[in-house]
Amino acid sequence: MTIMIRSKLQLRLRRKKRIRARIHGSARRPRLTVFRSLQQVTVQVIDDDAGKTLMAASTREAKAKPTVEGAKKLGTLIAKKAKEAKITTIVFDRNAYAYHGIVKALADAAREGGLQF
């Protein structure tokens, strides 16, 4: 009997696939997706119908570290960019990350910045 050991990455990609099957962004309501790495946190606002990234931001652009405080700065930055592009409602894609810590701080800051999920 062989036991399959899955890595953290494989498990995260599986969760991501399940989530993306239900979440879809459009021109009227684009998808805000989050990616975390050890170096930075990045977010993109994506129109899935056209297959285009409308805008993106990272903690490097916000001159912040990939921490909860940095995520708050990133959330306000992406909300500001979205408002300039006249986007007010989005679909939030946590990208298989648990909704706490950095991801939650980013989402809360984006909401405070005027985005509606």
N, C-alpha and C. Protein backbone atom coordinates (compact mmCIF):
# COMPACT_ATOMS: atom_id res chain seq x y z
N MET A 1 0.84 -1.18 0.00
CA MET A 1 0.00 0.00 0.00
C MET A 1 0.89 1.25 0.00
N THR A 2 0.64 2.13 -0.92
CA THR A 2 1.42 3.36 -1.02
C THR A 2 0.63 4.50 -0.40
N ILE A 3 1.32 5.29 0.36
CA ILE A 3 0.69 6.46 0.97
C ILE A 3 1.18 7.68 0.22
N MET A 4 0.23 8.48 -0.27
CA MET A 4 0.60 9.71 -0.97
C MET A 4 0.74 10.84 0.04
N ILE A 5 1.87 11.45 0.04
CA ILE A 5 2.09 12.60 0.91
C ILE A 5 2.03 13.84 0.03
N ARG A 6 1.12 14.72 0.35
CA ARG A 6 0.96 15.93 -0.44
C ARG A 6 1.65 17.09 0.26
N SER A 7 2.28 17.92 -0.53
CA SER A 7 2.96 19.08 0.03
C SER A 7 1.95 20.18 0.31
N LYS A 8 2.37 21.17 1.06
CA LYS A 8 1.51 22.31 1.35
C LYS A 8 1.05 22.98 0.07
N LEU A 9 1.96 23.10 -0.89
CA LEU A 9 1.64 23.74 -2.17
C LEU A 9 0.57 22.95 -2.91
N GLN A 10 0.70 21.63 -2.96
CA GLN A 10 -0.30 20.81 -3.65
C GLN A 10 -1.67 20.95 -3.00
N LEU A 11 -1.70 20.98 -1.68
CA LEU A 11 -2.97 21.13 -0.97
C LEU A 11 -3.58 22.50 -1.23
N ARG A 12 -2.74 23.55 -1.23
CA ARG A 12 -3.24 24.91 -1.49
C ARG A 12 -3.79 25.02 -2.90
N LEU A 13 -3.10 24.41 -3.88
CA LEU A 13 -3.56 24.48 -5.26
C LEU A 13 -4.88 23.73 -5.44
N ARG A 14 -5.06 22.65 -4.69
CA ARG A 14 -6.34 21.93 -4.72
C ARG A 14 -7.48 22.80 -4.20
N ARG A 15 -7.23 23.47 -3.05
CA ARG A 15 -8.24 24.36 -2.48
C ARG A 15 -8.54 25.50 -3.44
N LYS A 16 -7.49 26.05 -4.07
CA LYS A 16 -7.64 27.15 -5.02
C LYS A 16 -8.54 26.74 -6.18
N LYS A 17 -8.34 25.53 -6.68
CA LYS A 17 -9.13 25.03 -7.80
C LYS A 17 -10.62 24.93 -7.42
N ARG A 18 -10.89 24.46 -6.21
CA ARG A 18 -12.27 24.36 -5.73
C ARG A 18 -12.92 25.75 -5.62
N ILE A 19 -12.16 26.70 -5.08
CA ILE A 19 -12.68 28.06 -4.89
C ILE A 19 -12.93 28.73 -6.24
N ARG A 20 -11.96 28.59 -7.16
CA ARG A 20 -12.09 29.25 -8.47
C ARG A 20 -13.21 28.68 -9.31
N ALA A 21 -13.67 27.49 -9.00
CA ALA A 21 -14.80 26.91 -9.72
C ALA A 21 -16.08 27.68 -9.41
N ARG A 22 -16.11 28.35 -8.25
CA ARG A 22 -17.31 29.08 -7.84
C ARG A 22 -17.20 30.59 -7.99
N ILE A 23 -15.99 31.12 -8.06
CA ILE A 23 -15.79 32.57 -8.12
C ILE A 23 -15.45 32.99 -9.54
N HIS A 24 -16.13 34.05 -10.00
CA HIS A 24 -15.88 34.55 -11.35
C HIS A 24 -16.03 36.06 -11.35
N GLY A 25 -15.07 36.76 -11.92
CA GLY A 25 -15.13 38.21 -12.01
C GLY A 25 -15.57 38.64 -13.39
N SER A 26 -16.23 39.78 -13.46
CA SER A 26 -16.69 40.31 -14.75
C SER A 26 -16.29 41.78 -14.83
N ALA A 27 -16.66 42.42 -15.91
CA ALA A 27 -16.32 43.84 -16.07
C ALA A 27 -17.08 44.68 -15.04
N ARG A 28 -18.32 44.30 -14.75
CA ARG A 28 -19.12 45.05 -13.77
C ARG A 28 -18.65 44.78 -12.35
N ARG A 29 -18.23 43.54 -12.11
CA ARG A 29 -17.80 43.15 -10.77
C ARG A 29 -16.55 42.28 -10.87
N PRO A 30 -15.36 42.90 -10.98
CA PRO A 30 -14.13 42.14 -11.15
C PRO A 30 -13.72 41.39 -9.88
N ARG A 31 -12.79 40.49 -10.06
CA ARG A 31 -12.30 39.63 -8.97
C ARG A 31 -11.02 40.23 -8.40
N LEU A 32 -10.98 40.37 -7.08
CA LEU A 32 -9.78 40.83 -6.38
C LEU A 32 -9.10 39.60 -5.80
N THR A 33 -7.95 39.24 -6.33
CA THR A 33 -7.25 38.04 -5.89
C THR A 33 -5.98 38.40 -5.13
N VAL A 34 -5.66 37.57 -4.14
CA VAL A 34 -4.54 37.81 -3.24
C VAL A 34 -3.49 36.72 -3.45
N PHE A 35 -2.22 37.11 -3.48
CA PHE A 35 -1.13 36.13 -3.48
C PHE A 35 -0.12 36.53 -2.42
N ARG A 36 0.20 35.57 -1.56
CA ARG A 36 1.19 35.81 -0.51
C ARG A 36 2.46 35.05 -0.82
N SER A 37 3.59 35.69 -0.60
CA SER A 37 4.87 34.99 -0.64
C SER A 37 5.66 35.47 0.57
N LEU A 38 6.83 34.94 0.75
CA LEU A 38 7.65 35.38 1.87
C LEU A 38 8.20 36.78 1.64
N GLN A 39 8.33 37.17 0.37
CA GLN A 39 8.91 38.47 0.04
C GLN A 39 7.88 39.60 0.00
N GLN A 40 6.68 39.30 -0.48
CA GLN A 40 5.67 40.34 -0.65
C GLN A 40 4.27 39.74 -0.73
N VAL A 41 3.30 40.62 -0.67
CA VAL A 41 1.90 40.27 -0.88
C VAL A 41 1.45 41.06 -2.10
N THR A 42 0.82 40.39 -3.05
CA THR A 42 0.33 41.09 -4.24
C THR A 42 -1.16 40.87 -4.38
N VAL A 43 -1.82 41.86 -4.96
CA VAL A 43 -3.25 41.76 -5.27
C VAL A 43 -3.45 42.19 -6.71
N GLN A 44 -4.43 41.58 -7.35
CA GLN A 44 -4.79 41.94 -8.71
C GLN A 44 -6.30 42.06 -8.80
N VAL A 45 -6.76 43.00 -9.60
CA VAL A 45 -8.17 43.12 -9.92
C VAL A 45 -8.32 42.62 -11.35
N ILE A 46 -9.09 41.54 -11.52
CA ILE A 46 -9.12 40.81 -12.79
C ILE A 46 -10.54 40.75 -13.35
N ASP A 47 -10.65 41.00 -14.66
CA ASP A 47 -11.89 40.79 -15.40
C ASP A 47 -11.76 39.42 -16.07
N ASP A 48 -12.42 38.41 -15.54
CA ASP A 48 -12.30 37.05 -16.06
C ASP A 48 -12.95 36.88 -17.43
N ASP A 49 -13.97 37.66 -17.73
CA ASP A 49 -14.63 37.56 -19.04
C ASP A 49 -13.65 37.92 -20.16
N ALA A 50 -12.91 39.01 -19.96
CA ALA A 50 -11.94 39.45 -20.97
C ALA A 50 -10.58 38.79 -20.77
N GLY A 51 -10.36 38.18 -19.60
CA GLY A 51 -9.08 37.56 -19.32
C GLY A 51 -7.98 38.58 -19.12
N LYS A 52 -8.31 39.74 -18.53
CA LYS A 52 -7.34 40.81 -18.37
C LYS A 52 -7.23 41.26 -16.92
N THR A 53 -6.02 41.63 -16.54
CA THR A 53 -5.79 42.23 -15.24
C THR A 53 -6.03 43.73 -15.39
N LEU A 54 -6.97 44.25 -14.61
CA LEU A 54 -7.31 45.67 -14.70
C LEU A 54 -6.32 46.53 -13.93
N MET A 55 -5.88 46.04 -12.76
CA MET A 55 -4.90 46.75 -11.96
C MET A 55 -4.26 45.79 -10.98
N ALA A 56 -3.10 46.15 -10.50
CA ALA A 56 -2.37 45.32 -9.55
C ALA A 56 -1.61 46.21 -8.59
N ALA A 57 -1.31 45.66 -7.43
CA ALA A 57 -0.51 46.37 -6.43
C ALA A 57 0.20 45.34 -5.57
N SER A 58 1.28 45.77 -4.94
CA SER A 58 2.01 44.87 -4.06
C SER A 58 2.51 45.64 -2.84
N THR A 59 2.98 44.90 -1.85
CA THR A 59 3.52 45.57 -0.67
C THR A 59 4.79 46.34 -1.02
N ARG A 60 5.48 45.91 -2.06
CA ARG A 60 6.66 46.68 -2.49
C ARG A 60 6.25 48.04 -3.02
N GLU A 61 5.17 48.06 -3.79
CA GLU A 61 4.67 49.34 -4.31
C GLU A 61 4.17 50.23 -3.19
N ALA A 62 3.57 49.60 -2.17
CA ALA A 62 3.05 50.35 -1.03
C ALA A 62 4.15 50.68 -0.03
N LYS A 63 5.39 50.24 -0.33
CA LYS A 63 6.54 50.45 0.54
C LYS A 63 6.27 49.91 1.95
N ALA A 64 5.85 48.63 1.97
CA ALA A 64 5.52 47.99 3.23
C ALA A 64 6.08 46.57 3.24
N LYS A 65 6.13 45.99 4.42
CA LYS A 65 6.58 44.61 4.56
C LYS A 65 5.37 43.68 4.44
N PRO A 66 5.60 42.40 4.13
CA PRO A 66 4.47 41.47 4.01
C PRO A 66 3.95 41.01 5.37
N THR A 67 3.46 41.98 6.14
CA THR A 67 2.90 41.72 7.47
C THR A 67 1.46 42.19 7.47
N VAL A 68 0.81 42.07 8.63
CA VAL A 68 -0.57 42.54 8.75
C VAL A 68 -0.65 44.05 8.51
N GLU A 69 0.31 44.79 9.05
CA GLU A 69 0.33 46.25 8.83
C GLU A 69 0.54 46.57 7.35
N GLY A 70 1.43 45.84 6.71
CA GLY A 70 1.66 46.03 5.28
C GLY A 70 0.43 45.70 4.45
N ALA A 71 -0.30 44.68 4.87
CA ALA A 71 -1.52 44.29 4.18
C ALA A 71 -2.58 45.38 4.28
N LYS A 72 -2.63 46.06 5.42
CA LYS A 72 -3.58 47.17 5.58
C LYS A 72 -3.25 48.30 4.60
N LYS A 73 -1.97 48.62 4.48
CA LYS A 73 -1.55 49.66 3.52
C LYS A 73 -1.88 49.23 2.09
N LEU A 74 -1.66 47.96 1.79
CA LEU A 74 -1.95 47.43 0.46
C LEU A 74 -3.44 47.47 0.16
N GLY A 75 -4.26 47.15 1.15
CA GLY A 75 -5.72 47.19 0.97
C GLY A 75 -6.22 48.59 0.66
N THR A 76 -5.68 49.59 1.36
CA THR A 76 -6.10 50.97 1.08
C THR A 76 -5.59 51.43 -0.29
N LEU A 77 -4.39 50.98 -0.66
CA LEU A 77 -3.83 51.34 -1.96
C LEU A 77 -4.66 50.78 -3.11
N ILE A 78 -5.04 49.51 -3.03
CA ILE A 78 -5.81 48.90 -4.12
C ILE A 78 -7.22 49.49 -4.16
N ALA A 79 -7.78 49.83 -3.00
CA ALA A 79 -9.10 50.47 -2.97
C ALA A 79 -9.05 51.84 -3.64
N LYS A 80 -7.97 52.57 -3.39
CA LYS A 80 -7.79 53.89 -4.01
C LYS A 80 -7.67 53.76 -5.54
N LYS A 81 -6.86 52.79 -5.98
CA LYS A 81 -6.70 52.56 -7.42
C LYS A 81 -8.03 52.16 -8.07
N ALA A 82 -8.79 51.32 -7.39
CA ALA A 82 -10.08 50.87 -7.92
C ALA A 82 -11.07 52.03 -8.01
N LYS A 83 -11.06 52.88 -7.01
CA LYS A 83 -11.96 54.04 -7.05
C LYS A 83 -11.63 54.97 -8.21
N GLU A 84 -10.33 55.14 -8.48
CA GLU A 84 -9.90 55.98 -9.60
C GLU A 84 -10.38 55.38 -10.93
N ALA A 85 -10.46 54.05 -10.98
CA ALA A 85 -10.93 53.37 -12.19
C ALA A 85 -12.45 53.17 -12.17
N LYS A 86 -13.12 53.79 -11.19
CA LYS A 86 -14.58 53.74 -11.03
C LYS A 86 -15.10 52.31 -10.82
N ILE A 87 -14.35 51.54 -10.02
CA ILE A 87 -14.79 50.20 -9.62
C ILE A 87 -15.16 50.27 -8.15
N THR A 88 -16.40 49.91 -7.83
CA THR A 88 -16.83 49.98 -6.44
C THR A 88 -17.16 48.62 -5.85
N THR A 89 -17.63 47.68 -6.67
CA THR A 89 -17.95 46.35 -6.16
C THR A 89 -17.03 45.31 -6.79
N ILE A 90 -16.59 44.37 -5.98
CA ILE A 90 -15.69 43.32 -6.44
C ILE A 90 -16.10 41.98 -5.87
N VAL A 91 -15.49 40.92 -6.38
CA VAL A 91 -15.61 39.58 -5.82
C VAL A 91 -14.26 39.28 -5.19
N PHE A 92 -14.23 38.92 -3.92
CA PHE A 92 -12.97 38.69 -3.22
C PHE A 92 -12.55 37.24 -3.37
N ASP A 93 -11.33 37.03 -3.85
CA ASP A 93 -10.76 35.69 -4.03
C ASP A 93 -9.57 35.56 -3.08
N ARG A 94 -9.74 34.82 -2.00
CA ARG A 94 -8.68 34.67 -1.01
C ARG A 94 -7.59 33.72 -1.47
N ASN A 95 -7.82 33.06 -2.62
CA ASN A 95 -6.80 32.24 -3.27
C ASN A 95 -6.32 31.08 -2.41
N ALA A 96 -7.24 30.39 -1.73
CA ALA A 96 -6.98 29.21 -0.91
C ALA A 96 -6.21 29.49 0.37
N TYR A 97 -6.01 30.78 0.70
CA TYR A 97 -5.40 31.11 1.97
C TYR A 97 -6.50 31.24 3.01
N ALA A 98 -6.20 30.92 4.26
CA ALA A 98 -7.18 31.05 5.33
C ALA A 98 -7.53 32.52 5.50
N TYR A 99 -8.80 32.80 5.78
CA TYR A 99 -9.26 34.18 5.93
C TYR A 99 -8.97 34.66 7.35
N HIS A 100 -7.71 34.94 7.62
CA HIS A 100 -7.30 35.53 8.89
C HIS A 100 -5.93 36.15 8.67
N GLY A 101 -5.50 36.94 9.62
CA GLY A 101 -4.17 37.55 9.52
C GLY A 101 -4.05 38.52 8.35
N ILE A 102 -3.09 38.26 7.47
CA ILE A 102 -2.79 39.16 6.36
C ILE A 102 -3.97 39.30 5.41
N VAL A 103 -4.60 38.18 5.06
CA VAL A 103 -5.71 38.21 4.09
C VAL A 103 -6.90 38.99 4.66
N LYS A 104 -7.21 38.77 5.93
CA LYS A 104 -8.33 39.47 6.57
C LYS A 104 -8.02 40.96 6.70
N ALA A 105 -6.81 41.31 7.07
CA ALA A 105 -6.42 42.72 7.20
C ALA A 105 -6.52 43.43 5.86
N LEU A 106 -6.09 42.77 4.80
CA LEU A 106 -6.17 43.35 3.47
C LEU A 106 -7.62 43.57 3.06
N ALA A 107 -8.47 42.57 3.29
CA ALA A 107 -9.89 42.68 2.93
C ALA A 107 -10.57 43.79 3.73
N ASP A 108 -10.31 43.86 5.01
CA ASP A 108 -10.92 44.90 5.84
C ASP A 108 -10.49 46.29 5.41
N ALA A 109 -9.20 46.45 5.09
CA ALA A 109 -8.70 47.75 4.64
C ALA A 109 -9.30 48.13 3.29
N ALA A 110 -9.50 47.16 2.41
CA ALA A 110 -10.12 47.44 1.11
C ALA A 110 -11.57 47.87 1.30
N ARG A 111 -12.26 47.22 2.24
CA ARG A 111 -13.66 47.61 2.55
C ARG A 111 -13.70 49.03 3.09
N GLU A 112 -12.78 49.34 4.01
CA GLU A 112 -12.74 50.69 4.59
C GLU A 112 -12.40 51.73 3.52
N GLY A 113 -11.64 51.31 2.51
CA GLY A 113 -11.29 52.20 1.41
C GLY A 113 -12.43 52.46 0.43
N GLY A 114 -13.55 51.73 0.60
CA GLY A 114 -14.72 51.99 -0.23
C GLY A 114 -15.13 50.86 -1.15
N LEU A 115 -14.40 49.74 -1.16
CA LEU A 115 -14.81 48.61 -2.01
C LEU A 115 -15.88 47.80 -1.32
N GLN A 116 -16.81 47.29 -2.09
CA GLN A 116 -17.87 46.44 -1.56
C GLN A 116 -17.68 45.03 -2.06
N PHE A 117 -17.72 44.05 -1.16
CA PHE A 117 -17.59 42.65 -1.54
C PHE A 117 -18.97 42.03 -1.42
